[in-house]
C-alpha cells in the first residue's frame, strides 16, 4: 500500500505480517537518508562507559543522556564501587567518566588504578571545582555543570582520539 507522495511504504509479507520501509520514490527520500546517516555517524555509540559520580542525581542524568545516544553505561557512586564493577567488566569498558572530588578513592586515584589495569582505557574527568591537579594526567576534562552538547562532545572526542595517552601513573 503506497499513497502518492508518501514517505513510508507499507508492505505485507507472505505470512500476513505488515512492515514499513522508507519510500525511495519520495521527493525528500535522499535528503532524509543523508540526515539519518549524518546523525548515525555522529553518535556512533555502542561503546561502554563507566560513569563514576557520588551525587546520584548527576549520575542518573548522565547515564540517561549517554544511553539515549546509544552507549552502554555502567554506573558507580564511588571509587571502590567502580573498581568492583571494573573487575567484573573491565574487558568491555572503553571509557571512564569520573568525578574528581569524591570521598574515599578520588577520581584521579581511580583513573590511575583502572588505566594501570587496562592501558587502552580512555578517561574523562569531570568536576565542579577548578583544579590544576588533573591536567598532568593527559586526560580530558568536563566542567560541571555541563550541558548535553558538551558531554557528548567530550565523550566522543576522547573515544575517537587516536594515539597513546600520556597519563601519569605515579
Protein backbone atom coordinates (compact mmCIF):
# COMPACT_ATOMS: atom_id res chain seq x y z
CA UNK A 1 0.00 0.00 0.00
CA UNK A 2 1.52 3.32 -1.07
CA UNK A 3 -0.09 6.70 -1.04
CA UNK A 4 1.09 9.12 -3.70
CA UNK A 5 3.96 11.28 -2.41
CA UNK A 6 4.26 9.40 0.89
CA UNK A 7 7.46 8.90 2.88
CA UNK A 8 6.63 5.42 4.17
CA UNK A 9 5.62 2.32 2.22
CA UNK A 10 3.60 -0.39 3.96
CA UNK A 11 4.31 -3.97 2.90
CA UNK A 12 2.70 -7.29 3.77
CA UNK A 13 4.79 -10.47 3.64
CA UNK A 14 3.59 -13.99 2.78
CA UNK A 15 2.79 -14.71 6.43
CA UNK A 16 0.48 -11.69 6.58
CA UNK A 17 2.78 -9.52 8.70
CA UNK A 18 2.89 -5.82 7.95
CA UNK A 19 6.18 -3.94 7.87
CA UNK A 20 7.18 -0.48 6.79
CA UNK A 21 10.06 0.95 4.83
CA UNK A 22 11.09 4.35 3.58
CA UNK A 23 9.74 5.15 0.14
CA UNK A 24 12.67 5.73 -2.26
CA UNK A 25 10.36 7.47 -4.77
CA UNK A 26 9.56 10.21 -2.24
CA UNK A 27 10.94 13.62 -3.27
CA UNK A 28 12.65 14.03 0.12
CA UNK A 29 13.98 10.47 0.43
CA UNK A 30 17.62 11.32 -0.38
CA UNK A 31 17.61 14.31 1.99
CA UNK A 32 16.17 12.22 4.85
CA UNK A 33 18.64 9.42 4.12
CA UNK A 34 21.55 11.91 4.36
CA UNK A 35 20.25 13.34 7.65
CA UNK A 36 19.84 9.88 9.21
CA UNK A 37 23.29 8.85 8.00
CA UNK A 38 24.88 12.00 9.43
CA UNK A 39 23.16 11.53 12.81
CA UNK A 40 24.14 7.85 12.96
CA UNK A 41 27.79 8.56 12.19
CA UNK A 42 27.90 11.41 14.68
CA UNK A 43 26.61 9.48 17.66
CA UNK A 44 28.25 6.15 16.84
CA UNK A 45 27.75 4.87 20.37
CA UNK A 46 27.84 1.21 21.24
CA UNK A 47 30.87 1.68 23.46
CA UNK A 48 30.69 1.02 27.18
CA UNK A 49 31.23 3.91 29.58
CA UNK A 50 31.78 3.61 33.33
CA UNK A 51 30.25 6.69 34.97
CA UNK A 52 31.52 7.37 38.49
CA UNK A 53 29.73 10.16 40.35
CA UNK A 54 28.99 10.37 44.07
CA UNK A 55 25.87 12.53 43.51
CA UNK A 56 23.14 10.04 42.47
CA UNK A 57 21.05 12.63 40.56
CA UNK A 58 24.04 13.72 38.45
CA UNK A 59 25.00 10.08 37.83
CA UNK A 60 21.45 9.22 36.74
CA UNK A 61 21.08 12.19 34.38
CA UNK A 62 24.48 11.46 32.85
CA UNK A 63 23.58 7.78 32.39
CA UNK A 64 20.24 8.63 30.77
CA UNK A 65 21.89 11.03 28.32
CA UNK A 66 24.64 8.58 27.37
CA UNK A 67 22.19 5.71 26.94
CA UNK A 68 19.96 7.88 24.75
CA UNK A 69 22.97 8.30 22.43
CA UNK A 70 23.49 4.54 22.16
CA UNK A 71 26.22 3.97 24.72
CA UNK A 72 26.12 1.11 27.22
CA UNK A 73 26.56 2.64 30.68
CA UNK A 74 27.73 1.18 33.96
CA UNK A 75 27.14 3.44 36.95
CA UNK A 76 29.06 3.65 40.23
CA UNK A 77 28.68 6.10 43.10
CA UNK A 78 32.26 5.97 44.36
CA UNK A 79 35.75 4.73 43.62
CA UNK A 80 35.52 1.42 45.50
CA UNK A 81 32.25 0.52 43.74
CA UNK A 82 33.80 1.49 40.39
CA UNK A 83 36.79 -0.78 40.96
CA UNK A 84 34.44 -3.68 41.74
CA UNK A 85 32.45 -3.02 38.56
CA UNK A 86 35.68 -2.77 36.57
CA UNK A 87 36.89 -6.11 37.95
CA UNK A 88 33.76 -7.76 36.52
CA UNK A 89 33.51 -5.77 33.25
CA UNK A 90 36.97 -4.33 32.57
CA UNK A 91 37.37 -6.02 29.19
CA UNK A 92 34.24 -4.30 27.87
CA UNK A 93 34.74 -0.78 29.26
CA UNK A 94 36.04 1.77 26.75
CA UNK A 95 35.90 4.98 28.76
CA UNK A 96 35.89 6.10 32.38
CA UNK A 97 33.88 9.27 33.07
CA UNK A 98 34.65 10.16 36.66
CA UNK A 99 34.09 12.97 39.08
CA UNK A 100 37.39 14.14 40.58
CA UNK A 101 36.23 15.08 44.08
CA UNK A 102 34.70 12.05 45.81
CA UNK A 103 35.02 10.64 49.31
CA UNK A 104 37.43 7.74 49.70
CA UNK A 105 39.11 6.98 46.37
CA UNK A 106 39.01 10.19 44.34
CA UNK A 107 38.66 10.30 40.56
CA UNK A 108 42.36 10.79 39.86
CA UNK A 109 43.36 7.82 42.04
CA UNK A 110 40.60 5.76 40.43
CA UNK A 111 41.68 6.63 36.89
CA UNK A 112 45.31 5.80 37.62
CA UNK A 113 44.34 2.40 39.04
CA UNK A 114 42.00 1.48 36.18
CA UNK A 115 44.42 2.65 33.48
CA UNK A 116 47.17 0.62 35.19
CA UNK A 117 44.89 -2.42 34.80
CA UNK A 118 43.77 -1.53 31.27
CA UNK A 119 46.13 0.86 29.43
CA UNK A 120 43.71 1.26 26.49
CA UNK A 121 41.04 2.79 28.77
CA UNK A 122 40.12 6.38 27.89
CA UNK A 123 39.41 8.85 30.70
CA UNK A 124 37.30 11.99 31.01
CA UNK A 125 37.40 13.79 34.34
CA UNK A 126 34.52 15.97 35.47
CA UNK A 127 34.32 18.42 38.34
CA UNK A 128 32.55 21.50 39.57
CA UNK A 129 35.76 22.69 41.23
CA UNK A 130 38.61 24.34 39.33
CA UNK A 131 41.72 22.22 39.67
CA UNK A 132 45.15 22.03 38.14
CA UNK A 133 45.87 18.58 39.59
CA UNK A 134 44.09 16.61 36.84
CA UNK A 135 45.90 18.37 33.98
CA UNK A 136 49.10 16.37 34.48
CA UNK A 137 47.32 13.14 33.62
CA UNK A 138 46.73 13.96 29.96
CA UNK A 139 43.03 13.15 30.25
CA UNK A 140 40.08 15.17 29.03
CA UNK A 141 38.14 17.42 31.41
CA UNK A 142 34.46 18.34 31.56
CA UNK A 143 33.42 21.22 33.84
CA UNK A 144 30.23 20.76 35.86
CA UNK A 145 27.54 21.72 35.46
CA UNK A 146 27.68 20.59 31.85
CA UNK A 147 25.08 20.59 29.11
CA UNK A 148 24.26 17.61 26.88
CA UNK A 149 26.24 19.03 23.96
CA UNK A 150 29.45 19.46 25.96
CA UNK A 151 29.06 15.96 27.45
CA UNK A 152 28.51 14.42 24.03
CA UNK A 153 31.45 16.29 22.52
CA UNK A 154 33.88 15.39 25.34
CA UNK A 155 32.95 11.70 25.28
CA UNK A 156 33.04 11.32 21.51
CA UNK A 157 36.30 13.28 21.19
CA UNK A 158 38.03 11.08 23.76
CA UNK A 159 36.67 7.83 22.30
CA UNK A 160 37.71 8.85 18.79
CA UNK A 161 41.16 10.08 19.79
CA UNK A 162 44.00 8.01 18.38
CA UNK A 163 47.47 7.55 19.69
CA UNK A 164 48.75 6.90 23.17
CA UNK A 165 47.51 8.64 26.27
CA UNK A 166 50.25 10.23 28.33
CA UNK A 167 48.71 9.59 31.71
CA UNK A 168 50.94 9.99 34.73
CA UNK A 169 50.51 6.73 36.64
CA UNK A 170 52.73 7.63 39.59
